[in-house]
Amino acid sequence: MEKRIAFLIFGAIFLLLGETLQTQKPLAIGDTTGKYHLSPGILVGSIVPHRSSMQNVIKGHSVGCAVQILHRPPHTFWRMDHYQPIDGWDLYFSTTGNPQQLGYQFGLAYIIYRRILPQHIKNWWWGNGLGIGYSTRIWDLKANHQAPILSTHFNAEMILHLQYELLHLQKFNVMSGLRITHLSNGAYQLPNLGTNNVQLTLALQPRMSLPVGNYSYIDILPAYQSSQILSYIGSSGIKETFQPLGKKYGVWNAQLTYAKRINERHRWVVGLDYLYQPALKKLWAEYKGIEATAQQCMQWGMNIGYQTVFGKTWFTIHQGYYLYSPWKDNGKLYHRLSIRRNFDLYNYGMKNAFIYAALFTHFAKADHAEIGIGWDLYRR
């Protein structure tokens, strides 16, 4: 079955590539209007076993396809700061090499491609994507107990994609690359080892050039480029403990963060964290034989981070250290990938408000996902 799917995918895409290559002349023009374009691509690779317990379910190669809907609008502040990236939506399908235990994977994600060192390297692009993934097969205590990889059909999808402009045509670029597609539910339900589908890619991408001409801009610094920001964030999440079919517990988190501008694209971030995790009561009882108090379920930490600014959307990678944590089994370090989106509600007194979401982990092991709201206490 997987061989038939692979044949159909490769055949359809290569026919499209071949037809396009025959009708194009090697000149660089491309669209300059910023409209959306379809970009089809093929993928071949394998699920990578990042845990030893995954070795027994990796039985073959994965093949798939991605159809992207991309555009490159000119003349917006944040896009100019990032040397006019290409962004849009990624529709994804892939086999896993083991349809009986891992099934097939689908995904829908927002993705953005930026040039790598645009002043020195012209042909390399780095892509990041975030969205929703779906797996047709999940862990089941009776029917699929030997594949403790994913326990929910719907999962978060994260994409890392490195692409190279292999061939330049008049209206298209042929792109080759390496892509990692990660599916995980953030420990909402266990087991949750997650999958990393590492694949080589070949895609046909319409050329999206920038308009040529003289333009003048009003020199007003956007609010999102404030040089110093002090923020408060309140968030919560849900996690499952003591698999299989364990109870779900709430997670409560408060943060105070300070961000300092490096340039128009990036900031340094430092912060203080407070976490209250009732799930630790279960772990104290089962592993230590202790009836834990509320204080033994509290954790305090500090973190440093590196923030990338995409207009009103900010993405931050945090490295944290527990200053106080009675529960020691997770170690002293924690990590967080967070995203925030600023509101644009000036008429309602909400110009300092934002929504926030994050994945909290201990290295490669997800602890919980969290979502909340925040307020900028100070901007300068």
Protein backbone atom coordinates (compact mmCIF):
# COMPACT_ATOMS: atom_id res chain seq x y z
CA MET A 1 0.00 0.00 0.00
CA GLU A 2 2.76 2.46 0.90
CA LYS A 3 4.62 1.66 -2.33
CA ARG A 4 1.51 2.49 -4.35
CA ILE A 5 1.08 5.77 -2.50
CA ALA A 6 4.75 6.63 -3.05
CA PHE A 7 4.50 5.83 -6.76
CA LEU A 8 1.45 8.04 -7.20
CA ILE A 9 2.99 10.96 -5.29
CA PHE A 10 6.34 10.84 -7.08
CA GLY A 11 4.71 10.34 -10.46
CA ALA A 12 2.33 13.29 -10.13
CA ILE A 13 4.96 15.70 -8.83
CA PHE A 14 7.63 14.72 -11.35
CA LEU A 15 5.16 15.10 -14.22
CA LEU A 16 4.41 18.60 -12.97
CA LEU A 17 8.11 19.38 -12.59
CA GLY A 18 8.94 18.00 -16.01
CA GLU A 19 6.20 19.95 -17.75
CA THR A 20 7.30 23.16 -16.04
CA LEU A 21 11.00 22.67 -16.82
CA GLN A 22 10.22 22.22 -20.51
CA THR A 23 8.23 25.44 -20.76
CA GLN A 24 10.48 27.81 -18.77
CA LYS A 25 13.48 29.86 -19.84
CA PRO A 26 16.32 30.50 -17.35
CA LEU A 27 15.62 34.18 -16.65
CA ALA A 28 14.90 35.74 -13.23
CA ILE A 29 11.65 37.71 -13.22
CA GLY A 30 8.91 36.34 -10.98
CA ASP A 31 5.80 37.79 -9.36
CA THR A 32 6.16 41.11 -7.51
CA THR A 33 2.55 41.67 -6.40
CA GLY A 34 2.58 39.61 -3.20
CA LYS A 35 -0.27 37.31 -4.28
CA TYR A 36 -0.51 33.68 -3.14
CA HIS A 37 1.02 30.82 -5.17
CA LEU A 38 0.91 27.02 -5.00
CA SER A 39 4.20 25.23 -4.33
CA PRO A 40 4.09 21.39 -4.60
CA GLY A 41 6.85 19.18 -3.25
CA ILE A 42 7.80 15.56 -2.61
CA LEU A 43 9.40 14.14 0.56
CA VAL A 44 11.31 10.93 1.28
CA GLY A 45 13.03 9.91 4.50
CA SER A 46 12.30 8.07 7.73
CA ILE A 47 10.92 8.41 11.25
CA VAL A 48 14.01 8.92 13.45
CA PRO A 49 13.99 6.95 16.74
CA HIS A 50 15.02 9.56 19.32
CA ARG A 51 14.25 7.10 22.15
CA SER A 52 15.39 3.49 22.44
CA SER A 53 11.78 2.35 22.97
CA MET A 54 10.99 3.48 19.40
CA GLN A 55 13.47 1.16 17.70
CA ASN A 56 11.02 -1.72 17.32
CA VAL A 57 8.43 0.33 15.40
CA ILE A 58 10.79 1.86 12.79
CA LYS A 59 10.43 -0.60 9.93
CA GLY A 60 10.73 1.35 6.68
CA HIS A 61 11.14 4.65 4.88
CA SER A 62 8.57 7.43 4.77
CA VAL A 63 7.37 9.14 1.60
CA GLY A 64 4.98 12.02 1.28
CA CYS A 65 4.07 15.33 -0.27
CA ALA A 66 3.56 18.93 0.81
CA VAL A 67 1.50 21.53 -0.99
CA GLN A 68 2.27 25.04 0.19
CA ILE A 69 0.29 28.21 -0.39
CA LEU A 70 2.89 30.98 -0.21
CA HIS A 71 3.23 34.70 -0.78
CA ARG A 72 5.80 37.50 -0.35
CA PRO A 73 4.05 40.84 0.21
CA PRO A 74 6.35 43.86 -0.16
CA HIS A 75 6.60 47.04 1.92
CA THR A 76 5.61 46.08 5.46
CA PHE A 77 7.85 47.02 8.37
CA TRP A 78 8.44 43.61 9.91
CA ARG A 79 8.99 41.96 6.54
CA MET A 80 11.60 44.53 5.61
CA ASP A 81 13.32 43.87 8.94
CA HIS A 82 13.60 40.18 7.97
CA TYR A 83 14.67 40.86 4.36
CA GLN A 84 11.22 40.13 2.95
CA PRO A 85 10.49 36.52 3.96
CA ILE A 86 8.13 34.14 2.19
CA ASP A 87 5.25 32.79 4.28
CA GLY A 88 1.94 30.98 3.99
CA TRP A 89 0.33 27.59 4.70
CA ASP A 90 1.71 24.07 4.49
CA LEU A 91 -0.57 21.09 3.71
CA TYR A 92 1.29 17.88 4.56
CA PHE A 93 0.87 14.14 4.07
CA SER A 94 3.38 11.38 4.76
CA THR A 95 3.61 7.67 5.35
CA THR A 96 5.60 6.47 8.36
CA GLY A 97 7.16 3.23 7.12
CA ASN A 98 4.92 1.28 9.51
CA PRO A 99 1.23 1.77 8.67
CA GLN A 100 0.06 -0.97 11.05
CA GLN A 101 1.50 0.69 14.18
CA LEU A 102 2.26 4.31 13.24
CA GLY A 103 -0.28 4.82 10.44
CA TYR A 104 -0.21 7.89 8.20
CA GLN A 105 0.34 11.53 9.09
CA PHE A 106 -1.39 14.71 7.95
CA GLY A 107 -0.73 18.32 8.87
CA LEU A 108 -1.82 21.92 8.37
CA ALA A 109 0.63 24.58 9.52
CA TYR A 110 1.59 28.21 9.10
CA ILE A 111 5.16 28.39 7.78
CA ILE A 112 7.64 31.20 7.19
CA TYR A 113 10.89 31.06 5.19
CA ARG A 114 13.72 33.52 5.77
CA ARG A 115 17.03 33.82 3.98
CA ILE A 116 20.10 32.61 5.84
CA LEU A 117 22.69 35.42 6.02
CA PRO A 118 21.03 37.32 3.16
CA GLN A 119 23.90 39.76 2.78
CA HIS A 120 26.36 36.93 2.12
CA ILE A 121 24.41 33.81 1.07
CA LYS A 122 21.63 34.25 -1.49
CA ASN A 123 20.28 30.76 -2.17
CA TRP A 124 19.58 29.26 1.29
CA TRP A 125 16.25 29.56 3.13
CA TRP A 126 15.33 28.51 6.67
CA GLY A 127 11.69 27.63 7.40
CA ASN A 128 9.77 27.33 10.67
CA GLY A 129 6.21 26.05 10.87
CA LEU A 130 3.60 25.56 13.58
CA GLY A 131 0.17 23.99 13.23
CA ILE A 132 -2.04 20.94 13.78
CA GLY A 133 -1.12 17.36 12.87
CA TYR A 134 -3.18 14.19 12.64
CA SER A 135 -2.04 10.57 13.01
CA THR A 136 -4.27 7.76 11.77
CA ARG A 137 -2.81 5.23 14.26
CA ILE A 138 -2.27 5.80 17.98
CA TRP A 139 -1.21 3.75 21.00
CA ASP A 140 -3.92 1.47 22.32
CA LEU A 141 -3.65 -0.78 25.38
CA LYS A 142 -5.35 -3.65 23.54
CA ALA A 143 -4.85 -3.18 19.81
CA ASN A 144 -1.52 -1.31 19.53
CA HIS A 145 0.29 -1.59 22.85
CA GLN A 146 3.75 -2.09 21.29
CA ALA A 147 3.84 1.43 19.81
CA PRO A 148 3.84 3.88 22.77
CA ILE A 149 4.56 6.84 20.49
CA LEU A 150 1.40 8.93 20.15
CA SER A 151 -1.79 8.50 22.17
CA THR A 152 -3.96 11.16 20.48
CA HIS A 153 -5.00 11.49 16.86
CA PHE A 154 -4.68 15.29 16.89
CA ASN A 155 -1.29 16.73 17.85
CA ALA A 156 0.76 19.88 17.58
CA GLU A 157 2.85 19.99 14.40
CA MET A 158 6.23 21.73 14.30
CA ILE A 159 8.32 22.08 11.13
CA LEU A 160 12.01 22.85 10.56
CA HIS A 161 12.89 23.12 6.89
CA LEU A 162 16.21 24.04 5.25
CA GLN A 163 15.92 24.73 1.51
CA TYR A 164 18.38 25.53 -1.28
CA GLU A 165 17.55 27.16 -4.63
CA LEU A 166 18.78 24.33 -6.81
CA LEU A 167 17.66 25.70 -10.17
CA HIS A 168 16.47 29.15 -11.26
CA LEU A 169 13.86 29.47 -13.98
CA GLN A 170 11.92 32.42 -15.35
CA LYS A 171 8.92 32.07 -13.04
CA PHE A 172 9.90 29.17 -10.79
CA ASN A 173 12.67 27.95 -8.52
CA VAL A 174 13.40 24.25 -8.03
CA MET A 175 14.11 23.86 -4.30
CA SER A 176 15.91 20.97 -2.60
CA GLY A 177 16.15 20.62 1.15
CA LEU A 178 15.94 18.76 4.44
CA ARG A 179 12.77 18.84 6.54
CA ILE A 180 11.90 17.67 10.06
CA THR A 181 8.18 17.35 10.88
CA HIS A 182 7.47 16.78 14.57
CA LEU A 183 4.14 15.61 15.99
CA SER A 184 3.43 15.67 19.74
CA ASN A 185 0.50 16.39 22.08
CA GLY A 186 2.65 18.10 24.73
CA ALA A 187 2.00 15.43 27.39
CA TYR A 188 -1.73 16.17 27.38
CA GLN A 189 -2.17 12.41 27.18
CA LEU A 190 0.42 9.68 27.69
CA PRO A 191 2.34 7.95 26.21
CA ASN A 192 3.74 10.84 24.17
CA LEU A 193 7.19 10.16 22.76
CA GLY A 194 6.27 12.06 19.59
CA THR A 195 7.55 11.44 16.06
CA ASN A 196 10.30 13.18 14.10
CA ASN A 197 9.87 12.54 10.39
CA VAL A 198 13.20 13.54 8.78
CA GLN A 199 12.91 13.81 5.00
CA LEU A 200 14.73 15.07 1.92
CA THR A 201 12.54 17.42 -0.11
CA LEU A 202 12.23 18.58 -3.70
CA ALA A 203 9.76 21.36 -4.49
CA LEU A 204 8.68 23.64 -7.27
CA GLN A 205 8.27 27.17 -5.92
CA PRO A 206 7.01 30.13 -7.98
CA ARG A 207 9.50 32.97 -8.04
CA MET A 208 8.38 35.78 -5.73
CA SER A 209 10.61 38.78 -6.41
CA LEU A 210 10.54 42.21 -4.85
CA PRO A 211 9.38 45.21 -6.93
CA VAL A 212 12.10 47.46 -8.28
CA GLY A 213 11.79 51.21 -7.81
CA ASN A 214 12.25 54.13 -5.45
CA TYR A 215 10.00 54.16 -2.40
CA SER A 216 9.75 56.48 0.57
CA TYR A 217 8.48 55.50 4.01
CA ILE A 218 7.26 57.49 6.98
CA ASP A 219 9.90 56.96 9.65
CA ILE A 220 7.66 55.98 12.58
CA LEU A 221 8.98 53.22 14.83
CA PRO A 222 6.31 50.51 15.24
CA ALA A 223 5.26 49.79 18.83
CA TYR A 224 6.47 46.19 18.58
CA GLN A 225 10.04 47.49 18.25
CA SER A 226 10.16 48.95 21.75
CA SER A 227 13.70 48.72 23.09
CA GLN A 228 12.71 47.58 26.62
CA ILE A 229 9.58 45.71 27.68
CA LEU A 230 8.52 44.48 31.13
CA SER A 231 5.65 41.96 30.99
CA TYR A 232 3.48 39.83 33.26
CA ILE A 233 2.02 36.54 31.99
CA GLY A 234 -0.54 34.21 33.55
CA SER A 235 -1.08 30.83 31.92
CA SER A 236 -2.33 27.30 32.56
CA GLY A 237 -2.24 23.87 30.96
CA ILE A 238 -3.24 20.23 31.37
CA LYS A 239 -0.95 17.23 31.76
CA GLU A 240 -1.40 13.53 32.36
CA THR A 241 0.63 11.65 34.94
CA PHE A 242 1.24 7.99 35.63
CA GLN A 243 0.38 6.31 32.35
CA PRO A 244 -1.49 4.53 30.98
CA LEU A 245 -4.89 6.16 31.23
CA GLY A 246 -3.74 8.36 34.09
CA LYS A 247 -5.59 11.28 35.59
CA LYS A 248 -5.22 14.73 34.03
CA TYR A 249 -4.11 17.62 36.23
CA GLY A 250 -4.00 21.37 35.80
CA VAL A 251 -0.75 23.33 35.66
CA TRP A 252 -0.62 26.99 36.75
CA ASN A 253 2.15 29.36 35.78
CA ALA A 254 2.97 33.04 36.41
CA GLN A 255 5.88 34.84 34.74
CA LEU A 256 7.57 38.21 34.98
CA THR A 257 9.79 38.89 31.96
CA TYR A 258 12.07 41.68 30.79
CA ALA A 259 13.06 41.98 27.13
CA LYS A 260 15.94 44.09 25.79
CA ARG A 261 16.21 44.96 22.10
CA ILE A 262 19.27 43.68 20.21
CA ASN A 263 18.20 44.90 16.79
CA GLU A 264 14.99 45.28 14.80
CA ARG A 265 14.59 41.47 14.62
CA HIS A 266 15.72 40.11 17.99
CA ARG A 267 15.69 40.64 21.77
CA TRP A 268 17.32 39.13 24.83
CA VAL A 269 14.83 38.00 27.47
CA VAL A 270 15.23 37.28 31.19
CA GLY A 271 12.39 36.13 33.42
CA LEU A 272 11.15 34.68 36.70
CA ASP A 273 8.77 31.69 36.78
CA TYR A 274 6.33 30.39 39.36
CA LEU A 275 4.67 27.01 38.73
CA TYR A 276 2.11 25.09 40.73
CA GLN A 277 1.69 21.47 39.60
CA PRO A 278 -0.90 19.35 41.46
CA ALA A 279 0.26 16.39 39.34
CA LEU A 280 3.37 16.22 41.53
CA LYS A 281 1.20 14.97 44.42
CA LYS A 282 0.66 11.75 42.49
CA LEU A 283 4.36 11.38 41.75
CA TRP A 284 5.32 12.03 45.38
CA ALA A 285 2.88 9.35 46.52
CA GLU A 286 3.78 6.70 43.95
CA TYR A 287 7.57 7.08 43.82
CA LYS A 288 8.46 8.46 47.26
CA GLY A 289 5.58 7.25 49.44
CA ILE A 290 4.98 10.82 50.65
CA GLU A 291 1.68 12.66 50.98
CA ALA A 292 2.86 15.91 49.43
CA THR A 293 1.84 19.34 50.66
CA ALA A 294 0.96 22.25 48.37
CA GLN A 295 4.42 23.70 48.93
CA GLN A 296 6.03 20.50 47.63
CA CYS A 297 4.12 20.98 44.38
CA MET A 298 5.47 24.49 43.82
CA GLN A 299 8.46 25.40 41.67
CA TRP A 300 10.34 28.67 41.23
CA GLY A 301 12.79 29.33 38.42
CA MET A 302 14.58 31.91 36.34
CA ASN A 303 15.18 31.82 32.63
CA ILE A 304 17.03 33.55 29.84
CA GLY A 305 15.76 33.59 26.28
CA TYR A 306 16.29 34.73 22.72
CA GLN A 307 13.31 36.34 21.02
CA THR A 308 12.59 36.78 17.32
CA VAL A 309 10.13 39.52 16.32
CA PHE A 310 7.70 39.03 13.42
CA GLY A 311 5.67 42.22 13.72
CA LYS A 312 3.03 41.63 16.38
CA THR A 313 3.98 37.95 16.72
CA TRP A 314 7.03 37.09 18.84
CA PHE A 315 8.71 33.70 19.16
CA THR A 316 11.05 32.96 22.10
CA ILE A 317 13.36 30.10 23.07
CA HIS A 318 13.91 29.94 26.85
CA GLN A 319 16.49 28.13 28.97
CA GLY A 320 15.43 27.90 32.62
CA TYR A 321 16.96 26.89 35.94
CA TYR A 322 14.96 25.82 39.01
CA LEU A 323 15.77 28.05 41.96
CA TYR A 324 13.35 26.10 44.15
CA SER A 325 11.85 22.70 43.36
CA PRO A 326 11.27 20.04 46.06
CA TRP A 327 10.66 17.51 43.26
CA LYS A 328 14.18 16.73 41.99
CA ASP A 329 13.62 13.91 39.48
CA ASN A 330 13.39 16.23 36.46
CA GLY A 331 16.75 17.86 37.18
CA LYS A 332 17.66 21.50 37.58
CA LEU A 333 17.04 22.66 34.01
CA TYR A 334 13.84 23.28 32.06
CA HIS A 335 13.09 24.66 28.60
CA ARG A 336 10.26 26.51 26.95
CA LEU A 337 9.27 27.39 23.39
CA SER A 338 6.79 30.26 23.49
CA ILE A 339 4.84 32.43 21.09
CA ARG A 340 2.88 35.61 21.80
CA ARG A 341 0.55 37.68 19.66
CA ASN A 342 -0.10 41.30 20.57
CA PHE A 343 -3.61 42.70 20.47
CA ASP A 344 -4.45 45.75 18.39
CA LEU A 345 -7.28 47.14 20.54
CA TYR A 346 -6.22 50.74 21.12
CA ASN A 347 -9.82 51.95 21.29
CA TYR A 348 -10.56 49.56 24.17
CA GLY A 349 -7.52 50.32 26.31
CA MET A 350 -5.96 46.96 25.42
CA LYS A 351 -2.86 48.05 23.51
CA ASN A 352 -0.59 46.39 26.10
CA ALA A 353 -2.43 43.03 26.14
CA PHE A 354 -1.34 39.86 24.33
CA ILE A 355 -2.16 36.16 24.10
CA TYR A 356 0.49 33.58 24.86
CA ALA A 357 1.14 29.88 24.25
CA ALA A 358 4.12 27.68 25.04
CA LEU A 359 5.51 24.16 25.27
CA PHE A 360 7.31 23.47 28.57
CA THR A 361 9.89 20.67 28.43
CA HIS A 362 12.79 19.00 30.20
CA PHE A 363 15.18 18.65 27.28
CA ALA A 364 13.41 16.43 24.68
CA LYS A 365 10.66 15.33 27.09
CA ALA A 366 7.49 17.43 27.00
CA ASP A 367 6.10 18.32 30.41
CA HIS A 368 3.00 20.31 29.43
CA ALA A 369 1.59 22.86 27.02
CA GLU A 370 0.31 26.16 28.38
CA ILE A 371 -1.85 29.00 27.13
CA GLY A 372 -2.65 32.33 28.73
CA ILE A 373 -2.76 36.10 28.51
CA GLY A 374 -0.27 38.79 29.40
CA TRP A 375 0.14 42.52 29.89
CA ASP A 376 3.10 44.78 29.14
CA LEU A 377 3.64 46.71 32.37
CA TYR A 378 6.30 48.95 30.83
CA ARG A 379 7.46 49.82 27.33
CA ARG A 380 10.20 52.13 26.21
